[in-house]
Amino acid sequence: MMEMLWTDPQEEPGRGPSKRGVGMQFGPDITKRFCENNGLEAIIRSHEVRMDGYEVQHDGRCITVFSAPKYCDSTENRGAYINIGPDYKLHYEQFDAVPHPDVKPMAYAHSSLMSSLM
């Protein structure tokens, strides 16, 4: 299961090397078999930017959701999240980035800045 969650989907069947250079990619046949073997309807995963904030692949069995809009201020992607209704229907909600203070990247990690904000 760990391998499935930390690798990326591809449109071609089977497995292939990751375009990121680490790990593997998996096709719709792999997703289908994984879901059938584990009694799942679909896989909801993250950790990969999607320009619309989410993407549904592999005949609806592989859903990537990414909730960081304008990721690292280097892309123009939207963010998204999924509301799962009482009927288990998925409702996709998209949102855009909001302006943020002009702060150097990772500045919040420095304790002196954090203490001045509190």
PDB file of N, CA and C in Angstrom:
ATOM      1  N   MET A   1       0.830  -1.187   0.000  1.00  0.00           N
ATOM      2  CA  MET A   1       0.000   0.000   0.000  1.00  0.00           C
ATOM      3  C   MET A   1       0.874   1.249   0.000  1.00  0.00           C
ATOM      4  N   MET A   2       1.965   1.236   0.727  1.00  0.00           N
ATOM      5  CA  MET A   2       2.850   2.396   0.784  1.00  0.00           C
ATOM      6  C   MET A   2       3.351   2.770  -0.606  1.00  0.00           C
ATOM      7  N   GLU A   3       3.716   1.759  -1.387  1.00  0.00           N
ATOM      8  CA  GLU A   3       4.206   2.035  -2.736  1.00  0.00           C
ATOM      9  C   GLU A   3       3.129   2.712  -3.578  1.00  0.00           C
ATOM     10  N   MET A   4       1.890   2.283  -3.447  1.00  0.00           N
ATOM     11  CA  MET A   4       0.799   2.865  -4.221  1.00  0.00           C
ATOM     12  C   MET A   4       0.564   4.322  -3.835  1.00  0.00           C
ATOM     13  N   LEU A   5       0.654   4.636  -2.556  1.00  0.00           N
ATOM     14  CA  LEU A   5       0.370   5.996  -2.104  1.00  0.00           C
ATOM     15  C   LEU A   5       1.486   6.984  -2.409  1.00  0.00           C
ATOM     16  N   TRP A   6       2.709   6.521  -2.573  1.00  0.00           N
ATOM     17  CA  TRP A   6       3.826   7.435  -2.798  1.00  0.00           C
ATOM     18  C   TRP A   6       4.354   7.396  -4.226  1.00  0.00           C
ATOM     19  N   THR A   7       3.604   6.807  -5.126  1.00  0.00           N
ATOM     20  CA  THR A   7       3.972   6.844  -6.532  1.00  0.00           C
ATOM     21  C   THR A   7       2.894   7.621  -7.281  1.00  0.00           C
ATOM     22  N   ASP A   8       3.094   7.848  -8.549  1.00  0.00           N
ATOM     23  CA  ASP A   8       2.205   8.717  -9.316  1.00  0.00           C
ATOM     24  C   ASP A   8       1.478   7.949 -10.412  1.00  0.00           C
ATOM     25  N   PRO A   9       0.244   8.356 -10.723  1.00  0.00           N
ATOM     26  CA  PRO A   9      -0.495   7.694 -11.792  1.00  0.00           C
ATOM     27  C   PRO A   9       0.024   8.078 -13.178  1.00  0.00           C
ATOM     28  N   GLN A  10      -0.155   7.159 -14.109  1.00  0.00           N
ATOM     29  CA  GLN A  10       0.149   7.418 -15.516  1.00  0.00           C
ATOM     30  C   GLN A  10      -1.024   6.881 -16.334  1.00  0.00           C
ATOM     31  N   GLU A  11      -1.166   7.344 -17.553  1.00  0.00           N
ATOM     32  CA  GLU A  11      -2.278   6.895 -18.393  1.00  0.00           C
ATOM     33  C   GLU A  11      -2.014   5.538 -19.039  1.00  0.00           C
ATOM     34  N   GLU A  12      -0.744   5.188 -19.243  1.00  0.00           N
ATOM     35  CA  GLU A  12      -0.397   3.913 -19.863  1.00  0.00           C
ATOM     36  C   GLU A  12      -0.580   2.776 -18.861  1.00  0.00           C
ATOM     37  N   PRO A  13      -0.984   1.602 -19.328  1.00  0.00           N
ATOM     38  CA  PRO A  13      -1.104   0.461 -18.417  1.00  0.00           C
ATOM     39  C   PRO A  13       0.256   0.015 -17.880  1.00  0.00           C
ATOM     40  N   GLY A  14       0.210  -0.697 -16.773  1.00  0.00           N
ATOM     41  CA  GLY A  14       1.432  -1.231 -16.176  1.00  0.00           C
ATOM     42  C   GLY A  14       2.130  -0.230 -15.284  1.00  0.00           C
ATOM     43  N   ARG A  15       3.411  -0.493 -15.103  1.00  0.00           N
ATOM     44  CA  ARG A  15       4.250   0.383 -14.271  1.00  0.00           C
ATOM     45  C   ARG A  15       5.350   0.972 -15.125  1.00  0.00           C
ATOM     46  N   GLY A  16       5.865   2.106 -14.672  1.00  0.00           N
ATOM     47  CA  GLY A  16       6.967   2.738 -15.379  1.00  0.00           C
ATOM     48  C   GLY A  16       7.767   3.593 -14.426  1.00  0.00           C
ATOM     49  N   PRO A  17       8.932   4.050 -14.871  1.00  0.00           N
ATOM     50  CA  PRO A  17       9.738   4.914 -14.010  1.00  0.00           C
ATOM     51  C   PRO A  17       9.043   6.257 -13.797  1.00  0.00           C
ATOM     52  N   SER A  18       9.253   6.826 -12.639  1.00  0.00           N
ATOM     53  CA  SER A  18       8.648   8.114 -12.313  1.00  0.00           C
ATOM     54  C   SER A  18       9.289   9.236 -13.110  1.00  0.00           C
ATOM     55  N   LYS A  19       8.474  10.179 -13.538  1.00  0.00           N
ATOM     56  CA  LYS A  19       9.006  11.359 -14.214  1.00  0.00           C
ATOM     57  C   LYS A  19       9.762  12.257 -13.242  1.00  0.00           C
ATOM     58  N   ARG A  20       9.577  12.025 -11.941  1.00  0.00           N
ATOM     59  CA  ARG A  20      10.302  12.792 -10.924  1.00  0.00           C
ATOM     60  C   ARG A  20      11.702  12.228 -10.670  1.00  0.00           C
ATOM     61  N   GLY A  21      11.954  11.022 -11.172  1.00  0.00           N
ATOM     62  CA  GLY A  21      13.263  10.411 -10.979  1.00  0.00           C
ATOM     63  C   GLY A  21      13.358   9.515  -9.767  1.00  0.00           C
ATOM     64  N   VAL A  22      12.335   9.502  -8.931  1.00  0.00           N
ATOM     65  CA  VAL A  22      12.306   8.647  -7.740  1.00  0.00           C
ATOM     66  C   VAL A  22      10.972   7.919  -7.738  1.00  0.00           C
ATOM     67  N   GLY A  23      10.990   6.639  -7.429  1.00  0.00           N
ATOM     68  CA  GLY A  23       9.750   5.886  -7.354  1.00  0.00           C
ATOM     69  C   GLY A  23       9.278   5.401  -8.712  1.00  0.00           C
ATOM     70  N   MET A  24       8.002   5.071  -8.767  1.00  0.00           N
ATOM     71  CA  MET A  24       7.401   4.486  -9.962  1.00  0.00           C
ATOM     72  C   MET A  24       6.142   5.258 -10.338  1.00  0.00           C
ATOM     73  N   GLN A  25       5.623   4.938 -11.510  1.00  0.00           N
ATOM     74  CA  GLN A  25       4.302   5.382 -11.921  1.00  0.00           C
ATOM     75  C   GLN A  25       3.459   4.134 -12.147  1.00  0.00           C
ATOM     76  N   PHE A  26       2.130   4.267 -12.020  1.00  0.00           N
ATOM     77  CA  PHE A  26       1.243   3.115 -12.171  1.00  0.00           C
ATOM     78  C   PHE A  26       0.084   3.471 -13.089  1.00  0.00           C
ATOM     79  N   GLY A  27      -0.334   2.482 -13.860  1.00  0.00           N
ATOM     80  CA  GLY A  27      -1.404   2.686 -14.828  1.00  0.00           C
ATOM     81  C   GLY A  27      -2.768   2.298 -14.300  1.00  0.00           C
ATOM     82  N   PRO A  28      -3.801   2.502 -15.131  1.00  0.00           N
ATOM     83  CA  PRO A  28      -5.169   2.205 -14.710  1.00  0.00           C
ATOM     84  C   PRO A  28      -5.403   0.740 -14.347  1.00  0.00           C
ATOM     85  N   ASP A  29      -4.689  -0.160 -14.994  1.00  0.00           N
ATOM     86  CA  ASP A  29      -4.831  -1.581 -14.663  1.00  0.00           C
ATOM     87  C   ASP A  29      -4.327  -1.879 -13.255  1.00  0.00           C
ATOM     88  N   ILE A  30      -3.263  -1.214 -12.858  1.00  0.00           N
ATOM     89  CA  ILE A  30      -2.710  -1.387 -11.504  1.00  0.00           C
ATOM     90  C   ILE A  30      -3.697  -0.832 -10.479  1.00  0.00           C
ATOM     91  N   THR A  31      -4.258   0.340 -10.768  1.00  0.00           N
ATOM     92  CA  THR A  31      -5.238   0.945  -9.862  1.00  0.00           C
ATOM     93  C   THR A  31      -6.455   0.041  -9.703  1.00  0.00           C
ATOM     94  N   LYS A  32      -6.965  -0.478 -10.810  1.00  0.00           N
ATOM     95  CA  LYS A  32      -8.140  -1.357 -10.766  1.00  0.00           C
ATOM     96  C   LYS A  32      -7.860  -2.591  -9.915  1.00  0.00           C
ATOM     97  N   ARG A  33      -6.738  -3.235 -10.151  1.00  0.00           N
ATOM     98  CA  ARG A  33      -6.386  -4.440  -9.394  1.00  0.00           C
ATOM     99  C   ARG A  33      -6.207  -4.113  -7.909  1.00  0.00           C
ATOM    100  N   PHE A  34      -5.541  -3.003  -7.598  1.00  0.00           N
ATOM    101  CA  PHE A  34      -5.332  -2.599  -6.206  1.00  0.00           C
ATOM    102  C   PHE A  34      -6.675  -2.381  -5.509  1.00  0.00           C
ATOM    103  N   CYS A  35      -7.582  -1.660  -6.157  1.00  0.00           N
ATOM    104  CA  CYS A  35      -8.892  -1.403  -5.556  1.00  0.00           C
ATOM    105  C   CYS A  35      -9.668  -2.706  -5.355  1.00  0.00           C
ATOM    106  N   GLU A  36      -9.670  -3.564  -6.359  1.00  0.00           N
ATOM    107  CA  GLU A  36     -10.381  -4.843  -6.238  1.00  0.00           C
ATOM    108  C   GLU A  36      -9.799  -5.712  -5.129  1.00  0.00           C
ATOM    109  N   ASN A  37      -8.484  -5.789  -5.045  1.00  0.00           N
ATOM    110  CA  ASN A  37      -7.831  -6.618  -4.024  1.00  0.00           C
ATOM    111  C   ASN A  37      -8.039  -6.096  -2.610  1.00  0.00           C
ATOM    112  N   ASN A  38      -8.318  -4.798  -2.476  1.00  0.00           N
ATOM    113  CA  ASN A  38      -8.453  -4.190  -1.153  1.00  0.00           C
ATOM    114  C   ASN A  38      -9.875  -3.737  -0.838  1.00  0.00           C
ATOM    115  N   GLY A  39     -10.831  -4.089  -1.676  1.00  0.00           N
ATOM    116  CA  GLY A  39     -12.228  -3.736  -1.424  1.00  0.00           C
ATOM    117  C   GLY A  39     -12.484  -2.241  -1.451  1.00  0.00           C
ATOM    118  N   LEU A  40     -11.814  -1.531  -2.333  1.00  0.00           N
ATOM    119  CA  LEU A  40     -11.941  -0.074  -2.420  1.00  0.00           C
ATOM    120  C   LEU A  40     -12.662   0.342  -3.694  1.00  0.00           C
ATOM    121  N   GLU A  41     -13.384   1.450  -3.607  1.00  0.00           N
ATOM    122  CA  GLU A  41     -13.998   2.039  -4.795  1.00  0.00           C
ATOM    123  C   GLU A  41     -12.986   2.889  -5.553  1.00  0.00           C
ATOM    124  N   ALA A  42     -12.133   3.578  -4.795  1.00  0.00           N
ATOM    125  CA  ALA A  42     -11.167   4.500  -5.405  1.00  0.00           C
ATOM    126  C   ALA A  42     -10.055   4.801  -4.415  1.00  0.00           C
ATOM    127  N   ILE A  43      -9.024   5.450  -4.932  1.00  0.00           N
ATOM    128  CA  ILE A  43      -7.901   5.935  -4.126  1.00  0.00           C
ATOM    129  C   ILE A  43      -7.930   7.453  -4.195  1.00  0.00           C
ATOM    130  N   ILE A  44      -7.884   8.106  -3.048  1.00  0.00           N
ATOM    131  CA  ILE A  44      -7.735   9.557  -3.002  1.00  0.00           C
ATOM    132  C   ILE A  44      -6.333   9.825  -2.495  1.00  0.00           C
ATOM    133  N   ARG A  45      -5.537  10.501  -3.302  1.00  0.00           N
ATOM    134  CA  ARG A  45      -4.129  10.726  -2.998  1.00  0.00           C
ATOM    135  C   ARG A  45      -3.808  12.207  -3.129  1.00  0.00           C
ATOM    136  N   SER A  46      -2.579  12.561  -2.773  1.00  0.00           N
ATOM    137  CA  SER A  46      -2.153  13.955  -2.866  1.00  0.00           C
ATOM    138  C   SER A  46      -0.694  13.999  -3.269  1.00  0.00           C
ATOM    139  N   HIS A  47      -0.001  14.989  -2.809  1.00  0.00           N
ATOM    140  CA  HIS A  47       1.441  15.228  -2.956  1.00  0.00           C
ATOM    141  C   HIS A  47       1.891  15.470  -4.387  1.00  0.00           C
ATOM    142  N   GLU A  48       0.956  15.817  -5.273  1.00  0.00           N
ATOM    143  CA  GLU A  48       1.339  16.105  -6.652  1.00  0.00           C
ATOM    144  C   GLU A  48       0.463  17.249  -7.164  1.00  0.00           C
ATOM    145  N   VAL A  49       1.092  18.345  -7.580  1.00  0.00           N
ATOM    146  CA  VAL A  49       0.356  19.530  -8.030  1.00  0.00           C
ATOM    147  C   VAL A  49      -0.578  19.174  -9.183  1.00  0.00           C
ATOM    148  N   ARG A  50      -1.784  19.686  -9.103  1.00  0.00           N
ATOM    149  CA  ARG A  50      -2.753  19.606 -10.194  1.00  0.00           C
ATOM    150  C   ARG A  50      -3.239  21.029 -10.460  1.00  0.00           C
ATOM    151  N   MET A  51      -3.221  21.452 -11.702  1.00  0.00           N
ATOM    152  CA  MET A  51      -3.525  22.842 -12.026  1.00  0.00           C
ATOM    153  C   MET A  51      -4.937  23.249 -11.608  1.00  0.00           C
ATOM    154  N   ASP A  52      -5.890  22.346 -11.655  1.00  0.00           N
ATOM    155  CA  ASP A  52      -7.253  22.652 -11.220  1.00  0.00           C
ATOM    156  C   ASP A  52      -7.477  22.325  -9.749  1.00  0.00           C
ATOM    157  N   GLY A  53      -6.435  21.912  -9.044  1.00  0.00           N
ATOM    158  CA  GLY A  53      -6.551  21.544  -7.639  1.00  0.00           C
ATOM    159  C   GLY A  53      -6.859  20.070  -7.433  1.00  0.00           C
ATOM    160  N   TYR A  54      -7.397  19.442  -8.451  1.00  0.00           N
ATOM    161  CA  TYR A  54      -7.665  18.003  -8.378  1.00  0.00           C
ATOM    162  C   TYR A  54      -7.719  17.433  -9.792  1.00  0.00           C
ATOM    163  N   GLU A  55      -7.599  16.114  -9.877  1.00  0.00           N
ATOM    164  CA  GLU A  55      -7.747  15.422 -11.151  1.00  0.00           C
ATOM    165  C   GLU A  55      -8.275  14.016 -10.885  1.00  0.00           C
ATOM    166  N   VAL A  56      -9.238  13.604 -11.681  1.00  0.00           N
ATOM    167  CA  VAL A  56      -9.811  12.265 -11.598  1.00  0.00           C
ATOM    168  C   VAL A  56      -9.273  11.472 -12.782  1.00  0.00           C
ATOM    169  N   GLN A  57      -8.646  10.334 -12.494  1.00  0.00           N
ATOM    170  CA  GLN A  57      -8.027   9.507 -13.524  1.00  0.00           C
ATOM    171  C   GLN A  57      -8.460   8.055 -13.364  1.00  0.00           C
ATOM    172  N   HIS A  58      -7.993   7.235 -14.250  1.00  0.00           N
ATOM    173  CA  HIS A  58      -8.172   5.778 -14.193  1.00  0.00           C
ATOM    174  C   HIS A  58      -9.638   5.390 -14.000  1.00  0.00           C
ATOM    175  N   ASP A  59     -10.488   5.918 -14.873  1.00  0.00           N
ATOM    176  CA  ASP A  59     -11.926   5.607 -14.840  1.00  0.00           C
ATOM    177  C   ASP A  59     -12.557   5.943 -13.490  1.00  0.00           C
ATOM    178  N   GLY A  60     -12.090   7.029 -12.872  1.00  0.00           N
ATOM    179  CA  GLY A  60     -12.648   7.482 -11.603  1.00  0.00           C
ATOM    180  C   GLY A  60     -12.101   6.785 -10.381  1.00  0.00           C
ATOM    181  N   ARG A  61     -11.136   5.910 -10.552  1.00  0.00           N
ATOM    182  CA  ARG A  61     -10.608   5.147  -9.416  1.00  0.00           C
ATOM    183  C   ARG A  61      -9.383   5.776  -8.772  1.00  0.00           C
ATOM    184  N   CYS A  62      -8.789   6.764  -9.405  1.00  0.00           N
ATOM    185  CA  CYS A  62      -7.607   7.433  -8.846  1.00  0.00           C
ATOM    186  C   CYS A  62      -7.862   8.936  -8.866  1.00  0.00           C
ATOM    187  N   ILE A  63      -7.948   9.523  -7.680  1.00  0.00           N
ATOM    188  CA  ILE A  63      -8.245  10.942  -7.543  1.00  0.00           C
ATOM    189  C   ILE A  63      -7.074  11.604  -6.838  1.00  0.00           C
ATOM    190  N   THR A  64      -6.508  12.605  -7.485  1.00  0.00           N
ATOM    191  CA  THR A  64      -5.440  13.391  -6.873  1.00  0.00           C
ATOM    192  C   THR A  64      -6.039  14.724  -6.462  1.00  0.00           C
ATOM    193  N   VAL A  65      -5.867  15.092  -5.201  1.00  0.00           N
ATOM    194  CA  VAL A  65      -6.342  16.384  -4.711  1.00  0.00           C
ATOM    195  C   VAL A  65      -5.152  17.117  -4.108  1.00  0.00           C
ATOM    196  N   PHE A  66      -5.021  18.396  -4.439  1.00  0.00           N
ATOM    197  CA  PHE A  66      -3.873  19.183  -3.989  1.00  0.00           C
ATOM    198  C   PHE A  66      -4.403  20.506  -3.456  1.00  0.00           C
ATOM    199  N   SER A  67      -4.200  20.761  -2.176  1.00  0.00           N
ATOM    200  CA  SER A  67      -4.859  21.891  -1.518  1.00  0.00           C
ATOM    201  C   SER A  67      -3.976  23.119  -1.320  1.00  0.00           C
ATOM    202  N   ALA A  68      -2.839  23.184  -1.997  1.00  0.00           N
ATOM    203  CA  ALA A  68      -1.957  24.354  -1.870  1.00  0.00           C
ATOM    204  C   ALA A  68      -1.998  25.164  -3.165  1.00  0.00           C
ATOM    205  N   PRO A  69      -2.852  26.205  -3.225  1.00  0.00           N
ATOM    206  CA  PRO A  69      -2.907  27.001  -4.446  1.00  0.00           C
ATOM    207  C   PRO A  69      -1.626  27.812  -4.630  1.00  0.00           C
ATOM    208  N   LYS A  70      -1.300  28.063  -5.880  1.00  0.00           N
ATOM    209  CA  LYS A  70      -0.088  28.822  -6.230  1.00  0.00           C
ATOM    210  C   LYS A  70       1.109  28.251  -5.468  1.00  0.00           C
ATOM    211  N   TYR A  71       1.295  26.952  -5.613  1.00  0.00           N
ATOM    212  CA  TYR A  71       2.275  26.188  -4.849  1.00  0.00           C
ATOM    213  C   TYR A  71       3.658  26.832  -4.882  1.00  0.00           C
ATOM    214  N   CYS A  72       4.191  27.125  -3.717  1.00  0.00           N
ATOM    215  CA  CYS A  72       5.516  27.738  -3.538  1.00  0.00           C
ATOM    216  C   CYS A  72       5.670  29.019  -4.359  1.00  0.00           C
ATOM    217  N   ASP A  73       4.570  29.677  -4.653  1.00  0.00           N
ATOM    218  CA  ASP A  73       4.580  30.894  -5.478  1.00  0.00           C
ATOM    219  C   ASP A  73       5.238  30.672  -6.830  1.00  0.00           C
ATOM    220  N   SER A  74       5.263  29.428  -7.297  1.00  0.00           N
ATOM    221  CA  SER A  74       5.943  29.150  -8.563  1.00  0.00           C
ATOM    222  C   SER A  74       5.009  28.593  -9.633  1.00  0.00           C
ATOM    223  N   THR A  75       3.773  28.275  -9.277  1.00  0.00           N
ATOM    224  CA  THR A  75       2.810  27.800 -10.269  1.00  0.00           C
ATOM    225  C   THR A  75       1.511  28.579 -10.108  1.00  0.00           C
ATOM    226  N   GLU A  76       0.673  28.506 -11.084  1.00  0.00           N
ATOM    227  CA  GLU A  76      -0.619  29.204 -11.034  1.00  0.00           C
ATOM    228  C   GLU A  76      -1.763  28.228 -10.781  1.00  0.00           C
ATOM    229  N   ASN A  77      -1.481  27.154 -10.039  1.00  0.00           N
ATOM    230  CA  ASN A  77      -2.509  26.153  -9.775  1.00  0.00           C
ATOM    231  C   ASN A  77      -3.537  26.637  -8.768  1.00  0.00           C
ATOM    232  N   ARG A  78      -4.720  26.084  -8.874  1.00  0.00           N
ATOM    233  CA  ARG A  78      -5.761  26.298  -7.877  1.00  0.00           C
ATOM    234  C   ARG A  78      -5.592  25.236  -6.792  1.00  0.00           C
ATOM    235  N   GLY A  79      -6.212  25.444  -5.662  1.00  0.00           N
ATOM    236  CA  GLY A  79      -6.269  24.440  -4.613  1.00  0.00           C
ATOM    237  C   GLY A  79      -7.639  23.782  -4.639  1.00  0.00           C
ATOM    238  N   ALA A  80      -7.746  22.634  -4.010  1.00  0.00           N
ATOM    239  CA  ALA A  80      -9.039  21.948  -3.945  1.00  0.00           C
ATOM    240  C   ALA A  80      -9.097  21.057  -2.713  1.00  0.00           C
ATOM    241  N   TYR A  81     -10.316  20.727  -2.335  1.00  0.00           N
ATOM    242  CA  TYR A  81     -10.550  19.706  -1.323  1.00  0.00           C
ATOM    243  C   TYR A  81     -11.819  18.966  -1.715  1.00  0.00           C
ATOM    244  N   ILE A  82     -12.054  17.857  -1.064  1.00  0.00           N
ATOM    245  CA  ILE A  82     -13.219  17.037  -1.380  1.00  0.00           C
ATOM    246  C   ILE A  82     -14.115  16.950  -0.151  1.00  0.00           C
ATOM    247  N   ASN A  83     -15.383  17.268  -0.332  1.00  0.00           N
ATOM    248  CA  ASN A  83     -16.402  16.995   0.681  1.00  0.00           C
ATOM    249  C   ASN A  83     -17.054  15.673   0.307  1.00  0.00           C
ATOM    250  N   ILE A  84     -17.101  14.765   1.251  1.00  0.00           N
ATOM    251  CA  ILE A  84     -17.762  13.487   1.013  1.00  0.00           C
ATOM    252  C   ILE A  84     -19.110  13.542   1.723  1.00  0.00           C
ATOM    253  N   GLY A  85     -20.183  13.511   0.934  1.00  0.00           N
ATOM    254  CA  GLY A  85     -21.532  13.632   1.470  1.00  0.00           C
ATOM    255  C   GLY A  85     -21.986  12.377   2.189  1.00  0.00           C
ATOM    256  N   PRO A  86     -23.130  12.465   2.883  1.00  0.00           N
ATOM    257  CA  PRO A  86     -23.659  11.303   3.603  1.00  0.00           C
ATOM    258  C   PRO A  86     -23.973  10.132   2.669  1.00  0.00           C
ATOM    259  N   ASP A  87     -24.185  10.444   1.389  1.00  0.00           N
ATOM    260  CA  ASP A  87     -24.431   9.402   0.392  1.00  0.00           C
ATOM    261  C   ASP A  87     -23.128   8.915  -0.242  1.00  0.00           C
ATOM    262  N   TYR A  88     -22.005   9.368   0.310  1.00  0.00           N
ATOM    263  CA  TYR A  88     -20.652   9.044  -0.167  1.00  0.00           C
ATOM    264  C   TYR A  88     -20.341   9.647  -1.535  1.00  0.00           C
ATOM    265  N   LYS A  89     -21.164  10.579  -1.984  1.00  0.00           N
ATOM    266  CA  LYS A  89     -20.883  11.273  -3.236  1.00  0.00           C
ATOM    267  C   LYS A  89     -19.789  12.306  -2.974  1.00  0.00           C
ATOM    268  N   LEU A  90     -18.848  12.411  -3.918  1.00  0.00           N
ATOM    269  CA  LEU A  90     -17.733  13.344  -3.774  1.00  0.00           C
ATOM    270  C   LEU A  90     -18.096  14.697  -4.368  1.00  0.00           C
ATOM    271  N   HIS A  91     -17.854  15.749  -3.600  1.00  0.00           N
ATOM    272  CA  HIS A  91     -18.090  17.121  -4.049  1.00  0.00           C
ATOM    273  C   HIS A  91     -16.750  17.844  -4.024  1.00  0.00           C
ATOM    274  N   TYR A  92     -16.291  18.265  -5.180  1.00  0.00           N
ATOM    275  CA  TYR A  92     -14.991  18.923  -5.301  1.00  0.00           C
ATOM    276  C   TYR A  92     -15.167  20.424  -5.121  1.00  0.00           C
ATOM    277  N   GLU A  93     -14.382  20.998  -4.238  1.00  0.00           N
ATOM    278  CA  GLU A  93     -14.397  22.438  -3.983  1.00  0.00           C
ATOM    279  C   GLU A  93     -13.040  23.000  -4.375  1.00  0.00           C
ATOM    280  N   GLN A  94     -13.032  23.998  -5.247  1.00  0.00           N
ATOM    281  CA  GLN A  94     -11.785  24.617  -5.701  1.00  0.00           C
ATOM    282  C   GLN A  94     -11.666  26.015  -5.113  1.00  0.00           C
ATOM    283  N   PHE A  95     -10.443  26.472  -4.961  1.00  0.00           N
ATOM    284  CA  PHE A  95     -10.209  27.825  -4.466  1.00  0.00           C
ATOM    285  C   PHE A  95      -8.890  28.345  -5.012  1.00  0.00           C
ATOM    286  N   ASP A  96      -8.759  29.665  -4.979  1.00  0.00           N
ATOM    287  CA  ASP A  96      -7.547  30.333  -5.455  1.00  0.00           C
ATOM    288  C   ASP A  96      -6.725  30.822  -4.274  1.00  0.00           C
ATOM    289  N   ALA A  97      -5.481  31.127  -4.542  1.00  0.00           N
ATOM    290  CA  ALA A  97      -4.598  31.674  -3.511  1.00  0.00           C
ATOM    291  C   ALA A  97      -5.051  33.093  -3.164  1.00  0.00           C
ATOM    292  N   VAL A  98      -4.779  33.490  -1.947  1.00  0.00           N
ATOM    293  CA  VAL A  98      -5.020  34.873  -1.532  1.00  0.00           C
ATOM    294  C   VAL A  98      -3.668  35.548  -1.360  1.00  0.00           C
ATOM    295  N   PRO A  99      -3.616  36.865  -1.496  1.00  0.00           N
ATOM    296  CA  PRO A  99      -2.329  37.549  -1.309  1.00  0.00           C
ATOM    297  C   PRO A  99      -1.785  37.292   0.096  1.00  0.00           C
ATOM    298  N   HIS A 100      -0.488  37.221   0.192  1.00  0.00           N
ATOM    299  CA  HIS A 100       0.131  37.020   1.499  1.00  0.00           C
ATOM    300  C   HIS A 100       1.197  38.090   1.713  1.00  0.00           C
ATOM    301  N   PRO A 101       1.624  38.273   2.958  1.00  0.00           N
ATOM    302  CA  PRO A 101       2.657  39.282   3.231  1.00  0.00           C
ATOM    303  C   PRO A 101       3.932  38.990   2.453  1.00  0.00           C
ATOM    304  N   ASP A 102       4.664  40.008   2.132  1.00  0.00           N
ATOM    305  CA  ASP A 102       5.932  39.860   1.426  1.00  0.00           C
ATOM    306  C   ASP A 102       6.992  39.420   2.433  1.00  0.00           C
ATOM    307  N   VAL A 103       7.073  38.122   2.649  1.00  0.00           N
ATOM    308  CA  VAL A 103       7.999  37.531   3.610  1.00  0.00           C
ATOM    309  C   VAL A 103       8.885  36.556   2.854  1.00  0.00           C
ATOM    310  N   LYS A 104      10.162  36.526   3.197  1.00  0.00           N
ATOM    311  CA  LYS A 104      11.077  35.592   2.548  1.00  0.00           C
ATOM    312  C   LYS A 104      10.600  34.158   2.767  1.00  0.00           C
ATOM    313  N   PRO A 105      10.799  33.288   1.786  1.00  0.00           N
ATOM    314  CA  PRO A 105      10.405  31.891   1.961  1.00  0.00           C
ATOM    315  C   PRO A 105      11.022  31.290   3.222  1.00  0.00           C
ATOM    316  N   MET A 106      10.225  30.533   3.935  1.00  0.00           N
ATOM    317  CA  MET A 106      10.620  29.833   5.164  1.00  0.00           C
ATOM    318  C   MET A 106      10.943  30.782   6.314  1.00  0.00           C
ATOM    319  N   ALA A 107      10.636  32.054   6.176  1.00  0.00           N
ATOM    320  CA  ALA A 107      10.928  33.001   7.256  1.00  0.00           C
ATOM    321  C   ALA A 107      10.183  32.628   8.533  1.00  0.00           C
ATOM    322  N   TYR A 108       8.999  32.044   8.380  1.00  0.00           N
ATOM    323  CA  TYR A 108       8.220  31.652   9.549  1.00  0.00           C
ATOM    324  C   TYR A 108       8.927  30.595  10.382  1.00  0.00           C
ATOM    325  N   ALA A 109       9.893  29.910   9.812  1.00  0.00           N
ATOM    326  CA  ALA A 109      10.595  28.850  10.530  1.00  0.00           C
ATOM    327  C   ALA A 109      11.596  29.404  11.541  1.00  0.00           C
ATOM    328  N   HIS A 110      11.936  30.668  11.411  1.00  0.00           N
ATOM    329  CA  HIS A 110      12.894  31.275  12.343  1.00  0.00           C
ATOM    330  C   HIS A 110      12.155  31.714  13.602  1.00  0.00           C
ATOM    331  N   SER A 111      12.605  31.262  14.732  1.00  0.00           N
ATOM    332  CA  SER A 111      11.883  31.485  15.983  1.00  0.00           C
ATOM    333  C   SER A 111      11.738  32.963  16.331  1.00  0.00           C
ATOM    334  N   SER A 112      12.681  33.823  15.967  1.00  0.00           N
ATOM    335  CA  SER A 112      12.567  35.241  16.309  1.00  0.00           C
ATOM    336  C   SER A 112      11.375  35.876  15.605  1.00  0.00           C
ATOM    337  N   LEU A 113      11.123  35.502  14.373  1.00  0.00           N
ATOM    338  CA  LEU A 113       9.968  36.026  13.654  1.00  0.00           C
ATOM    339  C   LEU A 113       8.685  35.489  14.262  1.00  0.00           C
ATOM    340  N   MET A 114       8.655  34.228  14.582  1.00  0.00           N
ATOM    341  CA  MET A 114       7.456  33.634  15.161  1.00  0.00           C
ATOM    342  C   MET A 114       7.118  34.269  16.500  1.00  0.00           C
ATOM    343  N   SER A 115       8.115  34.532  17.334  1.00  0.00           N
ATOM    344  CA  SER A 115       7.831  35.117  18.643  1.00  0.00           C
ATOM    345  C   SER A 115       7.307  36.541  18.506  1.00  0.00           C
ATOM    346  N   SER A 116       7.731  37.267  17.475  1.00  0.00           N
ATOM    347  CA  SER A 116       7.227  38.627  17.291  1.00  0.00           C
ATOM    348  C   SER A 116       5.795  38.631  16.770  1.00  0.00           C
ATOM    349  N   LEU A 117       5.361  37.549  16.172  1.00  0.00           N
ATOM    350  CA  LEU A 117       3.996  37.455  15.667  1.00  0.00           C
ATOM    351  C   LEU A 117       3.009  37.050  16.748  1.00  0.00           C
ATOM    352  N   MET A 118       3.501  36.494  17.825  1.00  0.00           N
ATOM    353  CA  MET A 118       2.592  35.998  18.871  1.00  0.00           C
ATOM    354  C   MET A 118       2.362  37.014  19.945  1.00  0.00           C
TER     355      MET A 118
END
